[in-house]
């Protein structure tokens, strides 16, 4: 191993990036090996297995939805248009505002 204290910041970042890439490749190779072993073991007793790839990123179910409406009197109050109508929105609608007037 080299002495990392003598490397510049750019050189250290390059070493780290290379190490991270190597680690990802090793993990992927190990994963493929284990999957092949599982399939071989299952085939040896006349079973088939389906591997579900859970490594892919799925959008979060709790992802924040962008605001669609804003209170013109208090810009900190926003609403995505989903769920119950907030009280500030109900008050504005009953006072004569149109929903389209409140769109962002």
PDB file of N, CA and C in Angstrom:
ATOM      1  N   UNK A   1       0.841  -1.184   0.000  1.00  0.00           N
ATOM      2  CA  UNK A   1       0.000   0.000   0.000  1.00  0.00           C
ATOM      3  C   UNK A   1       0.885   1.245   0.000  1.00  0.00           C
ATOM      4  N   UNK A   2       0.362   2.239  -0.685  1.00  0.00           N
ATOM      5  CA  UNK A   2       1.111   3.488  -0.735  1.00  0.00           C
ATOM      6  C   UNK A   2       0.748   4.350   0.461  1.00  0.00           C
ATOM      7  N   UNK A   3       1.559   5.371   0.675  1.00  0.00           N
ATOM      8  CA  UNK A   3       1.318   6.294   1.777  1.00  0.00           C
ATOM      9  C   UNK A   3       0.323   7.351   1.307  1.00  0.00           C
ATOM     10  N   UNK A   4      -0.880   7.322   1.817  1.00  0.00           N
ATOM     11  CA  UNK A   4      -1.927   8.224   1.366  1.00  0.00           C
ATOM     12  C   UNK A   4      -1.686   9.665   1.802  1.00  0.00           C
ATOM     13  N   UNK A   5      -0.857   9.872   2.801  1.00  0.00           N
ATOM     14  CA  UNK A   5      -0.571  11.230   3.267  1.00  0.00           C
ATOM     15  C   UNK A   5       0.162  12.048   2.217  1.00  0.00           C
ATOM     16  N   UNK A   6       0.855  11.392   1.299  1.00  0.00           N
ATOM     17  CA  UNK A   6       1.624  12.096   0.278  1.00  0.00           C
ATOM     18  C   UNK A   6       0.802  12.392  -0.971  1.00  0.00           C
ATOM     19  N   UNK A   7      -0.438  11.936  -1.031  1.00  0.00           N
ATOM     20  CA  UNK A   7      -1.273  12.152  -2.207  1.00  0.00           C
ATOM     21  C   UNK A   7      -2.028  13.478  -2.098  1.00  0.00           C
ATOM     22  N   UNK A   8      -2.286  14.086  -3.250  1.00  0.00           N
ATOM     23  CA  UNK A   8      -3.086  15.312  -3.267  1.00  0.00           C
ATOM     24  C   UNK A   8      -4.556  14.943  -3.066  1.00  0.00           C
ATOM     25  N   UNK A   9      -5.382  15.959  -2.864  1.00  0.00           N
ATOM     26  CA  UNK A   9      -6.815  15.707  -2.676  1.00  0.00           C
ATOM     27  C   UNK A   9      -7.413  15.046  -3.912  1.00  0.00           C
ATOM     28  N   UNK A  10      -7.032  15.537  -5.099  1.00  0.00           N
ATOM     29  CA  UNK A  10      -7.552  14.951  -6.337  1.00  0.00           C
ATOM     30  C   UNK A  10      -7.125  13.498  -6.482  1.00  0.00           C
ATOM     31  N   UNK A  11      -5.880  13.208  -6.136  1.00  0.00           N
ATOM     32  CA  UNK A  11      -5.384  11.831  -6.229  1.00  0.00           C
ATOM     33  C   UNK A  11      -6.119  10.930  -5.240  1.00  0.00           C
ATOM     34  N   UNK A  12      -6.355  11.441  -4.031  1.00  0.00           N
ATOM     35  CA  UNK A  12      -7.094  10.657  -3.033  1.00  0.00           C
ATOM     36  C   UNK A  12      -8.524  10.380  -3.501  1.00  0.00           C
ATOM     37  N   UNK A  13      -9.183  11.396  -4.060  1.00  0.00           N
ATOM     38  CA  UNK A  13     -10.540  11.195  -4.561  1.00  0.00           C
ATOM     39  C   UNK A  13     -10.559  10.170  -5.686  1.00  0.00           C
ATOM     40  N   UNK A  14      -9.530  10.173  -6.520  1.00  0.00           N
ATOM     41  CA  UNK A  14      -9.434   9.197  -7.605  1.00  0.00           C
ATOM     42  C   UNK A  14      -9.255   7.786  -7.045  1.00  0.00           C
ATOM     43  N   UNK A  15      -8.395   7.651  -6.042  1.00  0.00           N
ATOM     44  CA  UNK A  15      -8.169   6.340  -5.414  1.00  0.00           C
ATOM     45  C   UNK A  15      -9.466   5.838  -4.781  1.00  0.00           C
ATOM     46  N   UNK A  16     -10.179   6.732  -4.100  1.00  0.00           N
ATOM     47  CA  UNK A  16     -11.436   6.353  -3.452  1.00  0.00           C
ATOM     48  C   UNK A  16     -12.465   5.924  -4.494  1.00  0.00           C
ATOM     49  N   UNK A  17     -12.582   6.681  -5.581  1.00  0.00           N
ATOM     50  CA  UNK A  17     -13.544   6.346  -6.636  1.00  0.00           C
ATOM     51  C   UNK A  17     -13.217   4.994  -7.255  1.00  0.00           C
ATOM     52  N   UNK A  18     -11.933   4.734  -7.494  1.00  0.00           N
ATOM     53  CA  UNK A  18     -11.527   3.444  -8.060  1.00  0.00           C
ATOM     54  C   UNK A  18     -11.835   2.311  -7.087  1.00  0.00           C
ATOM     55  N   UNK A  19     -11.573   2.546  -5.801  1.00  0.00           N
ATOM     56  CA  UNK A  19     -11.835   1.519  -4.792  1.00  0.00           C
ATOM     57  C   UNK A  19     -13.335   1.237  -4.691  1.00  0.00           C
ATOM     58  N   UNK A  20     -14.147   2.283  -4.741  1.00  0.00           N
ATOM     59  CA  UNK A  20     -15.596   2.088  -4.674  1.00  0.00           C
ATOM     60  C   UNK A  20     -16.095   1.313  -5.888  1.00  0.00           C
ATOM     61  N   UNK A  21     -15.566   1.617  -7.065  1.00  0.00           N
ATOM     62  CA  UNK A  21     -15.970   0.906  -8.278  1.00  0.00           C
ATOM     63  C   UNK A  21     -15.561  -0.563  -8.199  1.00  0.00           C
ATOM     64  N   UNK A  22     -14.351  -0.819  -7.715  1.00  0.00           N
ATOM     65  CA  UNK A  22     -13.874  -2.198  -7.560  1.00  0.00           C
ATOM     66  C   UNK A  22     -14.756  -2.958  -6.574  1.00  0.00           C
ATOM     67  N   UNK A  23     -15.136  -2.307  -5.482  1.00  0.00           N
ATOM     68  CA  UNK A  23     -15.998  -2.939  -4.481  1.00  0.00           C
ATOM     69  C   UNK A  23     -17.363  -3.283  -5.076  1.00  0.00           C
ATOM     70  N   UNK A  24     -17.933  -2.379  -5.850  1.00  0.00           N
ATOM     71  CA  UNK A  24     -19.224  -2.637  -6.493  1.00  0.00           C
ATOM     72  C   UNK A  24     -19.119  -3.838  -7.424  1.00  0.00           C
ATOM     73  N   UNK A  25     -18.043  -3.887  -8.222  1.00  0.00           N
ATOM     74  CA  UNK A  25     -17.849  -5.001  -9.152  1.00  0.00           C
ATOM     75  C   UNK A  25     -17.702  -6.322  -8.409  1.00  0.00           C
ATOM     76  N   UNK A  26     -16.939  -6.316  -7.302  1.00  0.00           N
ATOM     77  CA  UNK A  26     -16.751  -7.545  -6.522  1.00  0.00           C
ATOM     78  C   UNK A  26     -18.072  -8.012  -5.916  1.00  0.00           C
ATOM     79  N   UNK A  27     -18.870  -7.085  -5.400  1.00  0.00           N
ATOM     80  CA  UNK A  27     -20.165  -7.449  -4.821  1.00  0.00           C
ATOM     81  C   UNK A  27     -21.088  -8.021  -5.890  1.00  0.00           C
ATOM     82  N   UNK A  28     -21.093  -7.399  -7.075  1.00  0.00           N
ATOM     83  CA  UNK A  28     -21.938  -7.900  -8.165  1.00  0.00           C
ATOM     84  C   UNK A  28     -21.504  -9.292  -8.604  1.00  0.00           C
ATOM     85  N   UNK A  29     -20.184  -9.511  -8.704  1.00  0.00           N
ATOM     86  CA  UNK A  29     -19.679 -10.833  -9.085  1.00  0.00           C
ATOM     87  C   UNK A  29     -20.048 -11.877  -8.036  1.00  0.00           C
ATOM     88  N   UNK A  30     -19.904 -11.544  -6.769  1.00  0.00           N
ATOM     89  CA  UNK A  30     -20.246 -12.477  -5.690  1.00  0.00           C
ATOM     90  C   UNK A  30     -21.741 -12.795  -5.723  1.00  0.00           C
ATOM     91  N   UNK A  31     -22.546 -11.777  -5.974  1.00  0.00           N
ATOM     92  CA  UNK A  31     -23.991 -11.970  -6.050  1.00  0.00           C
ATOM     93  C   UNK A  31     -24.339 -12.943  -7.174  1.00  0.00           C
ATOM     94  N   UNK A  32     -23.711 -12.761  -8.342  1.00  0.00           N
ATOM     95  CA  UNK A  32     -23.956 -13.658  -9.473  1.00  0.00           C
ATOM     96  C   UNK A  32     -23.540 -15.087  -9.139  1.00  0.00           C
ATOM     97  N   UNK A  33     -22.405 -15.240  -8.435  1.00  0.00           N
ATOM     98  CA  UNK A  33     -21.937 -16.573  -8.045  1.00  0.00           C
ATOM     99  C   UNK A  33     -22.941 -17.243  -7.106  1.00  0.00           C
ATOM    100  N   UNK A  34     -23.421 -16.498  -6.126  1.00  0.00           N
ATOM    101  CA  UNK A  34     -24.367 -17.057  -5.153  1.00  0.00           C
ATOM    102  C   UNK A  34     -25.679 -17.437  -5.842  1.00  0.00           C
ATOM    103  N   UNK A  35     -26.155 -16.595  -6.749  1.00  0.00           N
ATOM    104  CA  UNK A  35     -27.385 -16.911  -7.484  1.00  0.00           C
ATOM    105  C   UNK A  35     -27.201 -18.182  -8.301  1.00  0.00           C
ATOM    106  N   UNK A  36     -26.048 -18.318  -8.947  1.00  0.00           N
ATOM    107  CA  UNK A  36     -25.778 -19.527  -9.733  1.00  0.00           C
ATOM    108  C   UNK A  36     -25.753 -20.761  -8.833  1.00  0.00           C
ATOM    109  N   UNK A  37     -25.153 -20.640  -7.634  1.00  0.00           N
ATOM    110  CA  UNK A  37     -25.119 -21.758  -6.685  1.00  0.00           C
ATOM    111  C   UNK A  37     -26.538 -22.136  -6.248  1.00  0.00           C
ATOM    112  N   UNK A  38     -27.352 -21.137  -5.959  1.00  0.00           N
ATOM    113  CA  UNK A  38     -28.730 -21.399  -5.531  1.00  0.00           C
ATOM    114  C   UNK A  38     -29.499 -22.125  -6.625  1.00  0.00           C
ATOM    115  N   UNK A  39     -29.363 -21.648  -7.861  1.00  0.00           N
ATOM    116  CA  UNK A  39     -30.068 -22.283  -8.971  1.00  0.00           C
ATOM    117  C   UNK A  39     -29.577 -23.710  -9.193  1.00  0.00           C
ATOM    118  N   UNK A  40     -28.266 -23.937  -9.042  1.00  0.00           N
ATOM    119  CA  UNK A  40     -27.718 -25.282  -9.217  1.00  0.00           C
ATOM    120  C   UNK A  40     -28.234 -26.221  -8.130  1.00  0.00           C
ATOM    121  N   UNK A  41     -28.263 -25.753  -6.887  1.00  0.00           N
ATOM    122  CA  UNK A  41     -28.788 -26.573  -5.792  1.00  0.00           C
ATOM    123  C   UNK A  41     -30.265 -26.895  -6.013  1.00  0.00           C
ATOM    124  N   UNK A  42     -31.030 -25.904  -6.429  1.00  0.00           N
ATOM    125  CA  UNK A  42     -32.455 -26.137  -6.677  1.00  0.00           C
ATOM    126  C   UNK A  42     -32.647 -27.127  -7.815  1.00  0.00           C
ATOM    127  N   UNK A  43     -31.862 -26.996  -8.866  1.00  0.00           N
ATOM    128  CA  UNK A  43     -31.976 -27.904 -10.010  1.00  0.00           C
ATOM    129  C   UNK A  43     -31.601 -29.327  -9.621  1.00  0.00           C
ATOM    130  N   UNK A  44     -30.701 -29.476  -8.654  1.00  0.00           N
ATOM    131  CA  UNK A  44     -30.274 -30.814  -8.244  1.00  0.00           C
ATOM    132  C   UNK A  44     -31.400 -31.602  -7.579  1.00  0.00           C
ATOM    133  N   UNK A  45     -32.425 -30.907  -7.097  1.00  0.00           N
ATOM    134  CA  UNK A  45     -33.579 -31.601  -6.510  1.00  0.00           C
ATOM    135  C   UNK A  45     -34.853 -31.296  -7.313  1.00  0.00           C
ATOM    136  N   UNK A  46     -34.659 -30.998  -8.592  1.00  0.00           N
ATOM    137  CA  UNK A  46     -35.754 -30.768  -9.537  1.00  0.00           C
ATOM    138  C   UNK A  46     -36.683 -29.613  -9.149  1.00  0.00           C
ATOM    139  N   UNK A  47     -36.105 -28.554  -8.658  1.00  0.00           N
ATOM    140  CA  UNK A  47     -36.862 -27.341  -8.356  1.00  0.00           C
ATOM    141  C   UNK A  47     -36.359 -26.214  -9.249  1.00  0.00           C
ATOM    142  N   UNK A  48     -37.228 -25.274  -9.499  1.00  0.00           N
ATOM    143  CA  UNK A  48     -36.792 -24.059 -10.183  1.00  0.00           C
ATOM    144  C   UNK A  48     -37.016 -22.889  -9.242  1.00  0.00           C
ATOM    145  N   UNK A  49     -36.159 -21.923  -9.329  1.00  0.00           N
ATOM    146  CA  UNK A  49     -36.284 -20.740  -8.480  1.00  0.00           C
ATOM    147  C   UNK A  49     -36.282 -19.496  -9.356  1.00  0.00           C
ATOM    148  N   UNK A  50     -37.045 -18.525  -8.936  1.00  0.00           N
ATOM    149  CA  UNK A  50     -37.028 -17.214  -9.572  1.00  0.00           C
ATOM    150  C   UNK A  50     -36.360 -16.254  -8.601  1.00  0.00           C
ATOM    151  N   UNK A  51     -35.344 -15.586  -9.067  1.00  0.00           N
ATOM    152  CA  UNK A  51     -34.636 -14.618  -8.236  1.00  0.00           C
ATOM    153  C   UNK A  51     -35.278 -13.254  -8.458  1.00  0.00           C
ATOM    154  N   UNK A  52     -35.724 -12.653  -7.389  1.00  0.00           N
ATOM    155  CA  UNK A  52     -36.313 -11.319  -7.462  1.00  0.00           C
ATOM    156  C   UNK A  52     -35.198 -10.316  -7.216  1.00  0.00           C
ATOM    157  N   UNK A  53     -34.959  -9.472  -8.202  1.00  0.00           N
ATOM    158  CA  UNK A  53     -33.878  -8.491  -8.104  1.00  0.00           C
ATOM    159  C   UNK A  53     -34.372  -7.283  -7.325  1.00  0.00           C
ATOM    160  N   UNK A  54     -34.019  -7.239  -6.055  1.00  0.00           N
ATOM    161  CA  UNK A  54     -34.449  -6.149  -5.188  1.00  0.00           C
ATOM    162  C   UNK A  54     -33.392  -5.055  -5.100  1.00  0.00           C
ATOM    163  N   UNK A  55     -32.367  -5.131  -5.944  1.00  0.00           N
ATOM    164  CA  UNK A  55     -31.306  -4.129  -5.883  1.00  0.00           C
ATOM    165  C   UNK A  55     -31.650  -2.882  -6.674  1.00  0.00           C
ATOM    166  N   UNK A  56     -32.674  -2.946  -7.511  1.00  0.00           N
ATOM    167  CA  UNK A  56     -33.066  -1.782  -8.299  1.00  0.00           C
ATOM    168  C   UNK A  56     -33.815  -0.803  -7.413  1.00  0.00           C
ATOM    169  N   UNK A  57     -33.573   0.445  -7.657  1.00  0.00           N
ATOM    170  CA  UNK A  57     -34.218   1.493  -6.867  1.00  0.00           C
ATOM    171  C   UNK A  57     -35.674   1.632  -7.292  1.00  0.00           C
ATOM    172  N   UNK A  58     -36.537   1.654  -6.301  1.00  0.00           N
ATOM    173  CA  UNK A  58     -37.957   1.857  -6.540  1.00  0.00           C
ATOM    174  C   UNK A  58     -38.325   3.220  -5.975  1.00  0.00           C
ATOM    175  N   UNK A  59     -39.216   3.928  -6.631  1.00  0.00           N
ATOM    176  CA  UNK A  59     -39.621   5.211  -6.067  1.00  0.00           C
ATOM    177  C   UNK A  59     -40.282   4.993  -4.713  1.00  0.00           C
ATOM    178  N   UNK A  60     -39.973   5.846  -3.813  1.00  0.00           N
ATOM    179  CA  UNK A  60     -40.511   5.730  -2.466  1.00  0.00           C
ATOM    180  C   UNK A  60     -42.010   5.992  -2.464  1.00  0.00           C
ATOM    181  N   UNK A  61     -42.740   5.178  -1.721  1.00  0.00           N
ATOM    182  CA  UNK A  61     -44.177   5.394  -1.606  1.00  0.00           C
ATOM    183  C   UNK A  61     -44.461   6.665  -0.817  1.00  0.00           C
ATOM    184  N   UNK A  62     -43.516   7.067   0.006  1.00  0.00           N
ATOM    185  CA  UNK A  62     -43.710   8.243   0.839  1.00  0.00           C
ATOM    186  C   UNK A  62     -42.986   9.461   0.278  1.00  0.00           C
ATOM    187  N   UNK A  63     -42.719   9.455  -1.018  1.00  0.00           N
ATOM    188  CA  UNK A  63     -42.030  10.586  -1.624  1.00  0.00           C
ATOM    189  C   UNK A  63     -42.907  11.827  -1.522  1.00  0.00           C
ATOM    190  N   UNK A  64     -42.279  12.946  -1.255  1.00  0.00           N
ATOM    191  CA  UNK A  64     -43.016  14.190  -1.097  1.00  0.00           C
ATOM    192  C   UNK A  64     -43.567  14.630  -2.446  1.00  0.00           C
ATOM    193  N   UNK A  65     -44.825  14.968  -2.455  1.00  0.00           N
ATOM    194  CA  UNK A  65     -45.509  15.427  -3.662  1.00  0.00           C
ATOM    195  C   UNK A  65     -45.353  16.945  -3.750  1.00  0.00           C
ATOM    196  N   UNK A  66     -45.087  17.437  -4.945  1.00  0.00           N
ATOM    197  CA  UNK A  66     -44.921  18.876  -5.137  1.00  0.00           C
ATOM    198  C   UNK A  66     -46.230  19.605  -4.856  1.00  0.00           C
ATOM    199  N   UNK A  67     -46.103  20.790  -4.300  1.00  0.00           N
ATOM    200  CA  UNK A  67     -47.277  21.597  -3.990  1.00  0.00           C
ATOM    201  C   UNK A  67     -47.934  22.080  -5.275  1.00  0.00           C
ATOM    202  N   UNK A  68     -49.248  22.073  -5.275  1.00  0.00           N
ATOM    203  CA  UNK A  68     -50.011  22.515  -6.443  1.00  0.00           C
ATOM    204  C   UNK A  68     -50.722  23.840  -6.164  1.00  0.00           C
ATOM    205  N   UNK A  69     -51.019  24.096  -4.892  1.00  0.00           N
ATOM    206  CA  UNK A  69     -51.743  25.302  -4.502  1.00  0.00           C
ATOM    207  C   UNK A  69     -50.972  26.027  -3.400  1.00  0.00           C
ATOM    208  N   UNK A  70     -51.070  27.379  -3.410  1.00  0.00           N
ATOM    209  CA  UNK A  70     -50.399  28.188  -2.386  1.00  0.00           C
ATOM    210  C   UNK A  70     -51.368  29.262  -1.901  1.00  0.00           C
ATOM    211  N   UNK A  71     -51.315  29.516  -0.602  1.00  0.00           N
ATOM    212  CA  UNK A  71     -52.125  30.563   0.000  1.00  0.00           C
ATOM    213  C   UNK A  71     -51.512  31.914  -0.384  1.00  0.00           C
ATOM    214  N   UNK A  72     -52.246  32.790  -1.076  1.00  0.00           N
ATOM    215  CA  UNK A  72     -51.674  34.077  -1.478  1.00  0.00           C
ATOM    216  C   UNK A  72     -51.416  35.006  -0.291  1.00  0.00           C
ATOM    217  N   UNK A  73     -52.064  34.746   0.832  1.00  0.00           N
ATOM    218  CA  UNK A  73     -51.884  35.581   2.014  1.00  0.00           C
ATOM    219  C   UNK A  73     -50.740  35.088   2.899  1.00  0.00           C
ATOM    220  N   UNK A  74     -50.366  33.813   2.762  1.00  0.00           N
ATOM    221  CA  UNK A  74     -49.275  33.225   3.548  1.00  0.00           C
ATOM    222  C   UNK A  74     -48.596  32.172   2.682  1.00  0.00           C
ATOM    223  N   UNK A  75     -47.496  32.557   2.040  1.00  0.00           N
ATOM    224  CA  UNK A  75     -46.853  31.674   1.058  1.00  0.00           C
ATOM    225  C   UNK A  75     -46.250  30.415   1.679  1.00  0.00           C
ATOM    226  N   UNK A  76     -46.186  30.347   3.009  1.00  0.00           N
ATOM    227  CA  UNK A  76     -45.667  29.126   3.639  1.00  0.00           C
ATOM    228  C   UNK A  76     -46.716  28.014   3.640  1.00  0.00           C
ATOM    229  N   UNK A  77     -47.969  28.369   3.385  1.00  0.00           N
ATOM    230  CA  UNK A  77     -49.054  27.388   3.367  1.00  0.00           C
ATOM    231  C   UNK A  77     -49.273  26.904   1.939  1.00  0.00           C
ATOM    232  N   UNK A  78     -48.982  25.622   1.729  1.00  0.00           N
ATOM    233  CA  UNK A  78     -49.163  25.020   0.409  1.00  0.00           C
ATOM    234  C   UNK A  78     -49.939  23.722   0.560  1.00  0.00           C
ATOM    235  N   UNK A  79     -50.428  23.236  -0.573  1.00  0.00           N
ATOM    236  CA  UNK A  79     -51.185  21.984  -0.588  1.00  0.00           C
ATOM    237  C   UNK A  79     -50.944  21.295  -1.912  1.00  0.00           C
ATOM    238  N   UNK A  80     -50.758  19.976  -1.866  1.00  0.00           N
ATOM    239  CA  UNK A  80     -50.473  19.191  -3.072  1.00  0.00           C
ATOM    240  C   UNK A  80     -51.729  18.891  -3.887  1.00  0.00           C
ATOM    241  N   UNK A  81     -52.889  19.088  -3.295  1.00  0.00           N
ATOM    242  CA  UNK A  81     -54.129  18.752  -3.978  1.00  0.00           C
ATOM    243  C   UNK A  81     -54.615  17.359  -3.635  1.00  0.00           C
ATOM    244  N   UNK A  82     -53.872  16.675  -2.788  1.00  0.00           N
ATOM    245  CA  UNK A  82     -54.250  15.322  -2.368  1.00  0.00           C
ATOM    246  C   UNK A  82     -54.694  15.344  -0.916  1.00  0.00           C
ATOM    247  N   UNK A  83     -55.595  14.454  -0.594  1.00  0.00           N
ATOM    248  CA  UNK A  83     -56.052  14.364   0.786  1.00  0.00           C
ATOM    249  C   UNK A  83     -57.119  15.414   1.083  1.00  0.00           C
ATOM    250  N   UNK A  84     -57.351  15.635   2.367  1.00  0.00           N
ATOM    251  CA  UNK A  84     -58.366  16.598   2.784  1.00  0.00           C
ATOM    252  C   UNK A  84     -57.935  18.017   2.429  1.00  0.00           C
ATOM    253  N   UNK A  85     -58.905  18.830   2.076  1.00  0.00           N
ATOM    254  CA  UNK A  85     -58.629  20.234   1.773  1.00  0.00           C
ATOM    255  C   UNK A  85     -58.275  20.953   3.071  1.00  0.00           C
ATOM    256  N   UNK A  86     -57.136  21.658   3.099  1.00  0.00           N
ATOM    257  CA  UNK A  86     -56.756  22.352   4.337  1.00  0.00           C
ATOM    258  C   UNK A  86     -57.732  23.493   4.667  1.00  0.00           C
ATOM    259  N   UNK A  87     -57.761  23.857   5.930  1.00  0.00           N
ATOM    260  CA  UNK A  87     -58.705  24.883   6.393  1.00  0.00           C
ATOM    261  C   UNK A  87     -58.467  26.219   5.713  1.00  0.00           C
ATOM    262  N   UNK A  88     -57.205  26.586   5.483  1.00  0.00           N
ATOM    263  CA  UNK A  88     -56.929  27.865   4.831  1.00  0.00           C
ATOM    264  C   UNK A  88     -57.509  27.877   3.417  1.00  0.00           C
ATOM    265  N   UNK A  89     -57.462  26.723   2.747  1.00  0.00           N
ATOM    266  CA  UNK A  89     -57.998  26.618   1.382  1.00  0.00           C
ATOM    267  C   UNK A  89     -59.521  26.708   1.420  1.00  0.00           C
ATOM    268  N   UNK A  90     -60.142  26.017   2.361  1.00  0.00           N
ATOM    269  CA  UNK A  90     -61.599  26.066   2.496  1.00  0.00           C
ATOM    270  C   UNK A  90     -62.064  27.499   2.765  1.00  0.00           C
ATOM    271  N   UNK A  91     -61.333  28.196   3.638  1.00  0.00           N
ATOM    272  CA  UNK A  91     -61.703  29.573   3.978  1.00  0.00           C
ATOM    273  C   UNK A  91     -61.599  30.480   2.756  1.00  0.00           C
ATOM    274  N   UNK A  92     -60.541  30.315   1.972  1.00  0.00           N
ATOM    275  CA  UNK A  92     -60.376  31.143   0.776  1.00  0.00           C
ATOM    276  C   UNK A  92     -61.452  30.837  -0.264  1.00  0.00           C
ATOM    277  N   UNK A  93     -61.799  29.564  -0.415  1.00  0.00           N
ATOM    278  CA  UNK A  93     -62.821  29.186  -1.392  1.00  0.00           C
ATOM    279  C   UNK A  93     -64.192  29.744  -1.006  1.00  0.00           C
ATOM    280  N   UNK A  94     -64.508  29.729   0.293  1.00  0.00           N
ATOM    281  CA  UNK A  94     -65.805  30.264   0.732  1.00  0.00           C
ATOM    282  C   UNK A  94     -65.824  31.790   0.672  1.00  0.00           C
ATOM    283  N   UNK A  95     -64.645  32.424   0.704  1.00  0.00           N
ATOM    284  CA  UNK A  95     -64.600  33.889   0.639  1.00  0.00           C
ATOM    285  C   UNK A  95     -64.586  34.408  -0.797  1.00  0.00           C
ATOM    286  N   UNK A  96     -64.655  33.502  -1.776  1.00  0.00           N
ATOM    287  CA  UNK A  96     -64.787  33.952  -3.154  1.00  0.00           C
ATOM    288  C   UNK A  96     -63.637  33.592  -4.075  1.00  0.00           C
ATOM    289  N   UNK A  97     -62.557  33.061  -3.543  1.00  0.00           N
ATOM    290  CA  UNK A  97     -61.448  32.643  -4.407  1.00  0.00           C
ATOM    291  C   UNK A  97     -61.855  31.418  -5.217  1.00  0.00           C
ATOM    292  N   UNK A  98     -61.270  31.293  -6.382  1.00  0.00           N
ATOM    293  CA  UNK A  98     -61.452  30.120  -7.227  1.00  0.00           C
ATOM    294  C   UNK A  98     -60.220  29.233  -7.038  1.00  0.00           C
ATOM    295  N   UNK A  99     -60.392  27.937  -7.153  1.00  0.00           N
ATOM    296  CA  UNK A  99     -59.265  27.013  -6.990  1.00  0.00           C
ATOM    297  C   UNK A  99     -58.139  27.340  -7.980  1.00  0.00           C
ATOM    298  N   UNK A 100     -58.511  27.742  -9.187  1.00  0.00           N
ATOM    299  CA  UNK A 100     -57.513  28.080 -10.207  1.00  0.00           C
ATOM    300  C   UNK A 100     -56.684  29.299  -9.812  1.00  0.00           C
ATOM    301  N   UNK A 101     -57.269  30.201  -9.017  1.00  0.00           N
ATOM    302  CA  UNK A 101     -56.548  31.393  -8.566  1.00  0.00           C
ATOM    303  C   UNK A 101     -55.413  31.033  -7.615  1.00  0.00           C
ATOM    304  N   UNK A 102     -55.517  29.890  -6.977  1.00  0.00           N
ATOM    305  CA  UNK A 102     -54.546  29.502  -5.952  1.00  0.00           C
ATOM    306  C   UNK A 102     -53.457  28.580  -6.481  1.00  0.00           C
ATOM    307  N   UNK A 103     -53.546  28.199  -7.752  1.00  0.00           N
ATOM    308  CA  UNK A 103     -52.534  27.299  -8.321  1.00  0.00           C
ATOM    309  C   UNK A 103     -51.180  27.982  -8.377  1.00  0.00           C
ATOM    310  N   UNK A 104     -50.158  27.178  -8.196  1.00  0.00           N
ATOM    311  CA  UNK A 104     -48.783  27.703  -8.244  1.00  0.00           C
ATOM    312  C   UNK A 104     -48.336  27.791  -9.683  1.00  0.00           C
TER     313      UNK A 104
END
